[in-house]
All heavy atoms as atom14 arrays in JSON, in Angstrom:
{
  "sequence": "PYWWIKCAVGVNNDDHPLAKAYHQVLVWDIMKRPLATRLAE",
  "atom14_mask": [
    [1, 1, 1, 1, 1, 1, 1, 0, 0, 0, 0, 0, 0, 0],
    [1, 1, 1, 1, 1, 1, 1, 1, 1, 1, 1, 1, 0, 0],
    [1, 1, 1, 1, 1, 1, 1, 1, 1, 1, 1, 1, 1, 1],
    [1, 1, 1, 1, 1, 1, 1, 1, 1, 1, 1, 1, 1, 1],
    [1, 1, 1, 1, 1, 1, 1, 1, 0, 0, 0, 0, 0, 0],
    [1, 1, 1, 1, 1, 1, 1, 1, 1, 0, 0, 0, 0, 0],
    [1, 1, 1, 1, 1, 1, 0, 0, 0, 0, 0, 0, 0, 0],
    [1, 1, 1, 1, 1, 0, 0, 0, 0, 0, 0, 0, 0, 0],
    [1, 1, 1, 1, 1, 1, 1, 0, 0, 0, 0, 0, 0, 0],
    [1, 1, 1, 1, 0, 0, 0, 0, 0, 0, 0, 0, 0, 0],
    [1, 1, 1, 1, 1, 1, 1, 0, 0, 0, 0, 0, 0, 0],
    [1, 1, 1, 1, 1, 1, 1, 1, 0, 0, 0, 0, 0, 0],
    [1, 1, 1, 1, 1, 1, 1, 1, 0, 0, 0, 0, 0, 0],
    [1, 1, 1, 1, 1, 1, 1, 1, 0, 0, 0, 0, 0, 0],
    [1, 1, 1, 1, 1, 1, 1, 1, 0, 0, 0, 0, 0, 0],
    [1, 1, 1, 1, 1, 1, 1, 1, 1, 1, 0, 0, 0, 0],
    [1, 1, 1, 1, 1, 1, 1, 0, 0, 0, 0, 0, 0, 0],
    [1, 1, 1, 1, 1, 1, 1, 1, 0, 0, 0, 0, 0, 0],
    [1, 1, 1, 1, 1, 0, 0, 0, 0, 0, 0, 0, 0, 0],
    [1, 1, 1, 1, 1, 1, 1, 1, 1, 0, 0, 0, 0, 0],
    [1, 1, 1, 1, 1, 0, 0, 0, 0, 0, 0, 0, 0, 0],
    [1, 1, 1, 1, 1, 1, 1, 1, 1, 1, 1, 1, 0, 0],
    [1, 1, 1, 1, 1, 1, 1, 1, 1, 1, 0, 0, 0, 0],
    [1, 1, 1, 1, 1, 1, 1, 1, 1, 0, 0, 0, 0, 0],
    [1, 1, 1, 1, 1, 1, 1, 0, 0, 0, 0, 0, 0, 0],
    [1, 1, 1, 1, 1, 1, 1, 1, 0, 0, 0, 0, 0, 0],
    [1, 1, 1, 1, 1, 1, 1, 0, 0, 0, 0, 0, 0, 0],
    [1, 1, 1, 1, 1, 1, 1, 1, 1, 1, 1, 1, 1, 1],
    [1, 1, 1, 1, 1, 1, 1, 1, 0, 0, 0, 0, 0, 0],
    [1, 1, 1, 1, 1, 1, 1, 1, 0, 0, 0, 0, 0, 0],
    [1, 1, 1, 1, 1, 1, 1, 1, 0, 0, 0, 0, 0, 0],
    [1, 1, 1, 1, 1, 1, 1, 1, 1, 0, 0, 0, 0, 0],
    [1, 1, 1, 1, 1, 1, 1, 1, 1, 1, 1, 0, 0, 0],
    [1, 1, 1, 1, 1, 1, 1, 0, 0, 0, 0, 0, 0, 0],
    [1, 1, 1, 1, 1, 1, 1, 1, 0, 0, 0, 0, 0, 0],
    [1, 1, 1, 1, 1, 0, 0, 0, 0, 0, 0, 0, 0, 0],
    [1, 1, 1, 1, 1, 1, 1, 0, 0, 0, 0, 0, 0, 0],
    [1, 1, 1, 1, 1, 1, 1, 1, 1, 1, 1, 0, 0, 0],
    [1, 1, 1, 1, 1, 1, 1, 1, 0, 0, 0, 0, 0, 0],
    [1, 1, 1, 1, 1, 0, 0, 0, 0, 0, 0, 0, 0, 0],
    [1, 1, 1, 1, 1, 1, 1, 1, 1, 0, 0, 0, 0, 0]
  ],
  "atom14_positions": [
    [[121.47, 131.52, 126.68], [120.46, 130.48, 126.93], [119.51, 130.27, 125.76], [119.04, 129.15, 125.52], [119.73, 130.98, 128.18], [120.71, 131.85, 128.87], [121.47, 132.52, 127.77], [0.0, 0.0, 0.0], [0.0, 0.0, 0.0], [0.0, 0.0, 0.0], [0.0, 0.0, 0.0], [0.0, 0.0, 0.0], [0.0, 0.0, 0.0], [0.0, 0.0, 0.0]],
    [[119.2, 131.35, 125.04], [118.32, 131.2, 123.88], [118.95, 130.26, 122.85], [118.28, 129.36, 122.31], [118.05, 132.56, 123.25], [117.33, 132.49, 121.92], [116.0, 132.08, 121.85], [117.98, 132.83, 120.74], [115.33, 132.0, 120.63], [117.33, 132.76, 119.52], [116.0, 132.34, 119.47], [115.35, 132.26, 118.26], [0.0, 0.0, 0.0], [0.0, 0.0, 0.0]],
    [[120.24, 130.43, 122.59], [120.89, 129.59, 121.59], [121.06, 128.16, 122.1], [121.03, 127.21, 121.33], [122.21, 130.21, 121.15], [121.96, 131.31, 120.18], [121.97, 132.65, 120.41], [121.59, 131.15, 118.81], [121.64, 133.34, 119.29], [121.41, 132.45, 118.28], [121.39, 130.05, 117.98], [121.03, 132.66, 116.95], [121.04, 130.26, 116.67], [120.86, 131.55, 116.16]],
    [[121.23, 128.0, 123.4], [121.28, 126.65, 123.94], [119.93, 125.94, 123.75], [119.88, 124.77, 123.39], [121.64, 126.69, 125.43], [123.02, 127.23, 125.68], [124.05, 127.33, 124.78], [123.52, 127.75, 126.91], [125.15, 127.89, 125.38], [124.86, 128.16, 126.68], [122.97, 127.93, 128.18], [125.65, 128.71, 127.69], [123.75, 128.48, 129.18], [125.07, 128.87, 128.93]],
    [[118.86, 126.68, 123.96], [117.52, 126.11, 123.73], [117.36, 125.75, 122.25], [116.9, 124.65, 121.91], [116.43, 127.11, 124.16], [116.43, 127.29, 125.68], [115.05, 126.64, 123.68], [115.57, 128.45, 126.15], [0.0, 0.0, 0.0], [0.0, 0.0, 0.0], [0.0, 0.0, 0.0], [0.0, 0.0, 0.0], [0.0, 0.0, 0.0], [0.0, 0.0, 0.0]],
    [[117.76, 126.67, 121.39], [117.63, 126.41, 119.94], [118.42, 125.16, 119.53], [117.94, 124.34, 118.74], [118.15, 127.61, 119.16], [117.25, 128.83, 119.25], [116.26, 128.87, 118.13], [116.92, 129.19, 116.81], [115.93, 129.15, 115.71], [0.0, 0.0, 0.0], [0.0, 0.0, 0.0], [0.0, 0.0, 0.0], [0.0, 0.0, 0.0], [0.0, 0.0, 0.0]],
    [[119.61, 125.04, 120.06], [120.43, 123.88, 119.71], [119.81, 122.59, 120.25], [119.9, 121.54, 119.62], [121.84, 124.06, 120.25], [122.81, 125.31, 119.36], [0.0, 0.0, 0.0], [0.0, 0.0, 0.0], [0.0, 0.0, 0.0], [0.0, 0.0, 0.0], [0.0, 0.0, 0.0], [0.0, 0.0, 0.0], [0.0, 0.0, 0.0], [0.0, 0.0, 0.0]],
    [[119.18, 122.67, 121.42], [118.59, 121.48, 122.03], [117.33, 121.02, 121.3], [117.09, 119.81, 121.16], [118.28, 121.75, 123.5], [0.0, 0.0, 0.0], [0.0, 0.0, 0.0], [0.0, 0.0, 0.0], [0.0, 0.0, 0.0], [0.0, 0.0, 0.0], [0.0, 0.0, 0.0], [0.0, 0.0, 0.0], [0.0, 0.0, 0.0], [0.0, 0.0, 0.0]],
    [[116.52, 121.97, 120.81], [115.24, 121.6, 120.19], [115.31, 121.59, 118.66], [114.36, 121.17, 118.01], [114.12, 122.57, 120.64], [114.0, 122.59, 122.15], [114.32, 123.98, 120.08], [0.0, 0.0, 0.0], [0.0, 0.0, 0.0], [0.0, 0.0, 0.0], [0.0, 0.0, 0.0], [0.0, 0.0, 0.0], [0.0, 0.0, 0.0], [0.0, 0.0, 0.0]],
    [[116.44, 122.05, 118.1], [116.59, 122.13, 116.65], [116.82, 123.57, 116.24], [115.95, 124.42, 116.48], [0.0, 0.0, 0.0], [0.0, 0.0, 0.0], [0.0, 0.0, 0.0], [0.0, 0.0, 0.0], [0.0, 0.0, 0.0], [0.0, 0.0, 0.0], [0.0, 0.0, 0.0], [0.0, 0.0, 0.0], [0.0, 0.0, 0.0], [0.0, 0.0, 0.0]],
    [[117.97, 123.84, 115.62], [118.34, 125.23, 115.35], [117.36, 125.92, 114.4], [117.26, 127.15, 114.39], [119.77, 125.31, 114.77], [120.79, 124.97, 115.83], [119.92, 124.41, 113.55], [0.0, 0.0, 0.0], [0.0, 0.0, 0.0], [0.0, 0.0, 0.0], [0.0, 0.0, 0.0], [0.0, 0.0, 0.0], [0.0, 0.0, 0.0], [0.0, 0.0, 0.0]],
    [[116.63, 125.16, 113.62], [115.67, 125.75, 112.69], [114.22, 125.63, 113.19], [113.29, 125.99, 112.47], [115.78, 125.09, 111.31], [117.14, 125.34, 110.67], [117.62, 126.47, 110.68], [117.75, 124.29, 110.14], [0.0, 0.0, 0.0], [0.0, 0.0, 0.0], [0.0, 0.0, 0.0], [0.0, 0.0, 0.0], [0.0, 0.0, 0.0], [0.0, 0.0, 0.0]],
    [[114.06, 125.15, 114.41], [112.72, 124.94, 114.97], [112.27, 126.18, 115.73], [112.18, 126.19, 116.96], [112.71, 123.7, 115.88], [111.32, 123.31, 116.32], [110.33, 123.92, 115.9], [111.22, 122.31, 117.17], [0.0, 0.0, 0.0], [0.0, 0.0, 0.0], [0.0, 0.0, 0.0], [0.0, 0.0, 0.0], [0.0, 0.0, 0.0], [0.0, 0.0, 0.0]],
    [[111.98, 127.25, 114.99], [111.59, 128.51, 115.62], [110.22, 128.44, 116.27], [109.86, 129.32, 117.07], [111.6, 129.64, 114.58], [112.99, 129.94, 114.05], [113.97, 129.7, 114.8], [113.11, 130.38, 112.89], [0.0, 0.0, 0.0], [0.0, 0.0, 0.0], [0.0, 0.0, 0.0], [0.0, 0.0, 0.0], [0.0, 0.0, 0.0], [0.0, 0.0, 0.0]],
    [[109.42, 127.45, 115.93], [108.06, 127.34, 116.47], [107.99, 126.52, 117.75], [106.91, 126.38, 118.33], [107.13, 126.71, 115.42], [106.92, 127.62, 114.23], [106.93, 128.85, 114.43], [106.76, 127.11, 113.11], [0.0, 0.0, 0.0], [0.0, 0.0, 0.0], [0.0, 0.0, 0.0], [0.0, 0.0, 0.0], [0.0, 0.0, 0.0], [0.0, 0.0, 0.0]],
    [[109.11, 125.99, 118.2], [109.08, 125.26, 119.47], [108.64, 126.22, 120.58], [109.13, 127.35, 120.65], [110.46, 124.67, 119.79], [110.45, 123.75, 120.96], [110.47, 124.21, 122.26], [110.41, 122.39, 121.02], [110.46, 123.18, 123.09], [110.42, 122.06, 122.36], [0.0, 0.0, 0.0], [0.0, 0.0, 0.0], [0.0, 0.0, 0.0], [0.0, 0.0, 0.0]],
    [[107.71, 125.81, 121.45], [107.16, 126.74, 122.46], [108.23, 127.4, 123.33], [108.15, 128.61, 123.61], [106.24, 125.85, 123.28], [105.85, 124.75, 122.35], [107.04, 124.51, 121.48], [0.0, 0.0, 0.0], [0.0, 0.0, 0.0], [0.0, 0.0, 0.0], [0.0, 0.0, 0.0], [0.0, 0.0, 0.0], [0.0, 0.0, 0.0], [0.0, 0.0, 0.0]],
    [[109.23, 126.64, 123.75], [110.25, 127.21, 124.63], [111.11, 128.22, 123.89], [111.38, 129.32, 124.39], [111.11, 126.09, 125.21], [112.1, 126.5, 126.31], [111.39, 127.2, 127.46], [112.85, 125.27, 126.82], [0.0, 0.0, 0.0], [0.0, 0.0, 0.0], [0.0, 0.0, 0.0], [0.0, 0.0, 0.0], [0.0, 0.0, 0.0], [0.0, 0.0, 0.0]],
    [[111.53, 127.86, 122.67], [112.34, 128.79, 121.88], [111.53, 130.04, 121.53], [112.05, 131.17, 121.58], [112.82, 128.1, 120.61], [0.0, 0.0, 0.0], [0.0, 0.0, 0.0], [0.0, 0.0, 0.0], [0.0, 0.0, 0.0], [0.0, 0.0, 0.0], [0.0, 0.0, 0.0], [0.0, 0.0, 0.0], [0.0, 0.0, 0.0], [0.0, 0.0, 0.0]],
    [[110.3, 129.85, 121.19], [109.44, 130.99, 120.82], [109.23, 131.93, 122.0], [109.29, 133.15, 121.86], [108.1, 130.46, 120.31], [107.26, 131.48, 119.57], [106.06, 130.79, 118.93], [105.24, 131.77, 118.1], [104.1, 131.1, 117.43], [0.0, 0.0, 0.0], [0.0, 0.0, 0.0], [0.0, 0.0, 0.0], [0.0, 0.0, 0.0], [0.0, 0.0, 0.0]],
    [[109.0, 131.36, 123.18], [108.77, 132.18, 124.37], [110.01, 132.97, 124.74], [109.94, 134.16, 125.07], [108.32, 131.29, 125.53], [0.0, 0.0, 0.0], [0.0, 0.0, 0.0], [0.0, 0.0, 0.0], [0.0, 0.0, 0.0], [0.0, 0.0, 0.0], [0.0, 0.0, 0.0], [0.0, 0.0, 0.0], [0.0, 0.0, 0.0], [0.0, 0.0, 0.0]],
    [[111.17, 132.31, 124.69], [112.4, 133.01, 125.05], [112.72, 134.11, 124.03], [113.18, 135.2, 124.4], [113.57, 132.03, 125.14], [114.71, 132.55, 125.99], [114.96, 132.04, 127.25], [115.55, 133.58, 125.53], [116.0, 132.52, 128.04], [116.58, 134.07, 126.31], [116.81, 133.54, 127.56], [117.82, 134.04, 128.34], [0.0, 0.0, 0.0], [0.0, 0.0, 0.0]],
    [[112.44, 133.84, 122.77], [112.66, 134.86, 121.74], [111.8, 136.09, 122.0], [112.25, 137.23, 121.84], [112.37, 134.28, 120.36], [112.63, 135.25, 119.25], [111.65, 136.03, 118.68], [113.79, 135.57, 118.62], [112.18, 136.79, 117.74], [113.47, 136.53, 117.68], [0.0, 0.0, 0.0], [0.0, 0.0, 0.0], [0.0, 0.0, 0.0], [0.0, 0.0, 0.0]],
    [[110.57, 135.88, 122.42], [109.68, 137.01, 122.74], [110.23, 137.83, 123.89], [110.13, 139.06, 123.9], [108.28, 136.48, 123.05], [107.55, 135.93, 121.83], [106.23, 135.27, 122.17], [105.96, 134.95, 123.34], [105.4, 135.04, 121.17], [0.0, 0.0, 0.0], [0.0, 0.0, 0.0], [0.0, 0.0, 0.0], [0.0, 0.0, 0.0], [0.0, 0.0, 0.0]],
    [[110.81, 137.15, 124.87], [111.44, 137.86, 125.98], [112.6, 138.72, 125.5], [112.76, 139.88, 125.9], [111.92, 136.87, 127.06], [112.77, 137.57, 128.11], [110.73, 136.19, 127.73], [0.0, 0.0, 0.0], [0.0, 0.0, 0.0], [0.0, 0.0, 0.0], [0.0, 0.0, 0.0], [0.0, 0.0, 0.0], [0.0, 0.0, 0.0], [0.0, 0.0, 0.0]],
    [[113.42, 138.17, 124.6], [114.56, 138.92, 124.09], [114.11, 140.14, 123.28], [114.7, 141.22, 123.39], [115.44, 138.02, 123.22], [116.2, 136.9, 123.95], [117.01, 136.08, 122.95], [117.11, 137.46, 125.03], [0.0, 0.0, 0.0], [0.0, 0.0, 0.0], [0.0, 0.0, 0.0], [0.0, 0.0, 0.0], [0.0, 0.0, 0.0], [0.0, 0.0, 0.0]],
    [[113.08, 139.97, 122.47], [112.56, 141.1, 121.69], [112.03, 142.18, 122.63], [112.29, 143.38, 122.45], [111.45, 140.63, 120.73], [110.75, 141.83, 120.09], [112.03, 139.72, 119.65], [0.0, 0.0, 0.0], [0.0, 0.0, 0.0], [0.0, 0.0, 0.0], [0.0, 0.0, 0.0], [0.0, 0.0, 0.0], [0.0, 0.0, 0.0], [0.0, 0.0, 0.0]],
    [[111.29, 141.77, 123.66], [110.78, 142.72, 124.65], [111.94, 143.46, 125.33], [111.89, 144.68, 125.52], [109.94, 141.97, 125.69], [109.59, 142.77, 126.9], [108.61, 143.71, 127.01], [110.23, 142.72, 128.18], [108.59, 144.25, 128.28], [109.57, 143.64, 129.02], [111.27, 141.95, 128.7], [109.95, 143.84, 130.34], [111.65, 142.15, 130.02], [110.99, 143.08, 130.83]],
    [[112.99, 142.73, 125.66], [114.15, 143.34, 126.32], [114.83, 144.35, 125.41], [115.19, 145.46, 125.84], [115.13, 142.25, 126.73], [116.41, 142.82, 127.3], [116.33, 143.57, 128.29], [117.49, 142.53, 126.74], [0.0, 0.0, 0.0], [0.0, 0.0, 0.0], [0.0, 0.0, 0.0], [0.0, 0.0, 0.0], [0.0, 0.0, 0.0], [0.0, 0.0, 0.0]],
    [[115.0, 144.0, 124.13], [115.66, 144.91, 123.19], [114.83, 146.18, 123.0], [115.38, 147.29, 122.92], [115.89, 144.19, 121.85], [116.94, 143.09, 122.01], [116.32, 145.18, 120.77], [117.05, 142.16, 120.82], [0.0, 0.0, 0.0], [0.0, 0.0, 0.0], [0.0, 0.0, 0.0], [0.0, 0.0, 0.0], [0.0, 0.0, 0.0], [0.0, 0.0, 0.0]],
    [[113.52, 146.03, 122.94], [112.65, 147.19, 122.71], [112.5, 148.07, 123.94], [112.52, 149.3, 123.85], [111.27, 146.7, 122.24], [111.3, 145.92, 120.93], [111.93, 146.89, 119.54], [110.64, 148.13, 119.39], [0.0, 0.0, 0.0], [0.0, 0.0, 0.0], [0.0, 0.0, 0.0], [0.0, 0.0, 0.0], [0.0, 0.0, 0.0], [0.0, 0.0, 0.0]],
    [[112.36, 147.46, 125.1], [112.05, 148.22, 126.32], [113.27, 148.54, 127.17], [113.26, 149.53, 127.91], [111.04, 147.43, 127.17], [109.73, 147.14, 126.46], [108.97, 148.41, 126.13], [107.61, 148.1, 125.51], [106.87, 149.35, 125.16], [0.0, 0.0, 0.0], [0.0, 0.0, 0.0], [0.0, 0.0, 0.0], [0.0, 0.0, 0.0], [0.0, 0.0, 0.0]],
    [[114.27, 147.68, 127.13], [115.49, 147.84, 127.92], [115.2, 148.17, 129.38], [115.65, 149.19, 129.91], [116.4, 148.9, 127.3], [116.84, 148.57, 125.88], [117.9, 149.51, 125.38], [119.12, 149.46, 126.17], [120.06, 148.53, 126.03], [119.91, 147.56, 125.14], [121.13, 148.56, 126.79], [0.0, 0.0, 0.0], [0.0, 0.0, 0.0], [0.0, 0.0, 0.0]],
    [[114.47, 147.31, 130.06], [114.14, 147.57, 131.47], [115.38, 147.45, 132.35], [116.34, 146.73, 132.03], [113.12, 146.49, 131.8], [113.42, 145.38, 130.86], [113.89, 146.04, 129.59], [0.0, 0.0, 0.0], [0.0, 0.0, 0.0], [0.0, 0.0, 0.0], [0.0, 0.0, 0.0], [0.0, 0.0, 0.0], [0.0, 0.0, 0.0], [0.0, 0.0, 0.0]],
    [[115.35, 148.13, 133.48], [116.5, 148.14, 134.39], [116.83, 146.73, 134.88], [118.01, 146.36, 135.0], [116.21, 149.05, 135.58], [117.31, 149.13, 136.64], [118.61, 149.64, 136.05], [116.85, 150.01, 137.81], [0.0, 0.0, 0.0], [0.0, 0.0, 0.0], [0.0, 0.0, 0.0], [0.0, 0.0, 0.0], [0.0, 0.0, 0.0], [0.0, 0.0, 0.0]],
    [[115.81, 145.93, 135.16], [116.05, 144.6, 135.73], [116.88, 143.73, 134.78], [117.83, 143.05, 135.22], [114.72, 143.91, 136.02], [0.0, 0.0, 0.0], [0.0, 0.0, 0.0], [0.0, 0.0, 0.0], [0.0, 0.0, 0.0], [0.0, 0.0, 0.0], [0.0, 0.0, 0.0], [0.0, 0.0, 0.0], [0.0, 0.0, 0.0], [0.0, 0.0, 0.0]],
    [[116.56, 143.74, 133.5], [117.32, 142.91, 132.58], [118.69, 143.51, 132.28], [119.65, 142.78, 132.01], [116.55, 142.69, 131.26], [116.23, 143.96, 130.68], [115.29, 141.89, 131.49], [0.0, 0.0, 0.0], [0.0, 0.0, 0.0], [0.0, 0.0, 0.0], [0.0, 0.0, 0.0], [0.0, 0.0, 0.0], [0.0, 0.0, 0.0], [0.0, 0.0, 0.0]],
    [[118.8, 144.84, 132.34], [120.13, 145.45, 132.16], [121.05, 145.02, 133.28], [122.23, 144.72, 133.07], [120.01, 146.98, 132.13], [119.21, 147.55, 130.99], [119.98, 147.59, 129.68], [120.35, 146.28, 129.14], [119.54, 145.44, 128.51], [118.42, 145.74, 128.29], [119.89, 144.28, 128.07], [0.0, 0.0, 0.0], [0.0, 0.0, 0.0], [0.0, 0.0, 0.0]],
    [[120.53, 145.01, 134.5], [121.35, 144.58, 135.63], [121.68, 143.09, 135.54], [122.8, 142.67, 135.83], [120.62, 144.88, 136.95], [120.44, 146.36, 137.27], [119.58, 146.53, 138.52], [121.78, 147.05, 137.46], [0.0, 0.0, 0.0], [0.0, 0.0, 0.0], [0.0, 0.0, 0.0], [0.0, 0.0, 0.0], [0.0, 0.0, 0.0], [0.0, 0.0, 0.0]],
    [[120.69, 142.29, 135.12], [120.93, 140.86, 134.98], [122.0, 140.59, 133.93], [122.89, 139.74, 134.13], [119.62, 140.15, 134.61], [0.0, 0.0, 0.0], [0.0, 0.0, 0.0], [0.0, 0.0, 0.0], [0.0, 0.0, 0.0], [0.0, 0.0, 0.0], [0.0, 0.0, 0.0], [0.0, 0.0, 0.0], [0.0, 0.0, 0.0], [0.0, 0.0, 0.0]],
    [[121.93, 141.3, 132.83], [122.92, 141.07, 131.78], [124.31, 141.51, 132.23], [125.32, 140.88, 131.88], [122.51, 141.8, 130.5], [123.37, 141.41, 129.31], [122.66, 141.59, 127.99], [122.43, 142.74, 127.61], [122.35, 140.56, 127.34], [0.0, 0.0, 0.0], [0.0, 0.0, 0.0], [0.0, 0.0, 0.0], [0.0, 0.0, 0.0], [0.0, 0.0, 0.0]]
  ]
}
């Protein structure tokens, strides 16, 4: 979904609010690896 958002708003538009917010979620997931996102994935 992150890449779909990037493609929709511009692949180089890292400052778009939606792309930026989703990226922060992914970074949080990679760092913390919570059970909820592991199960979702």
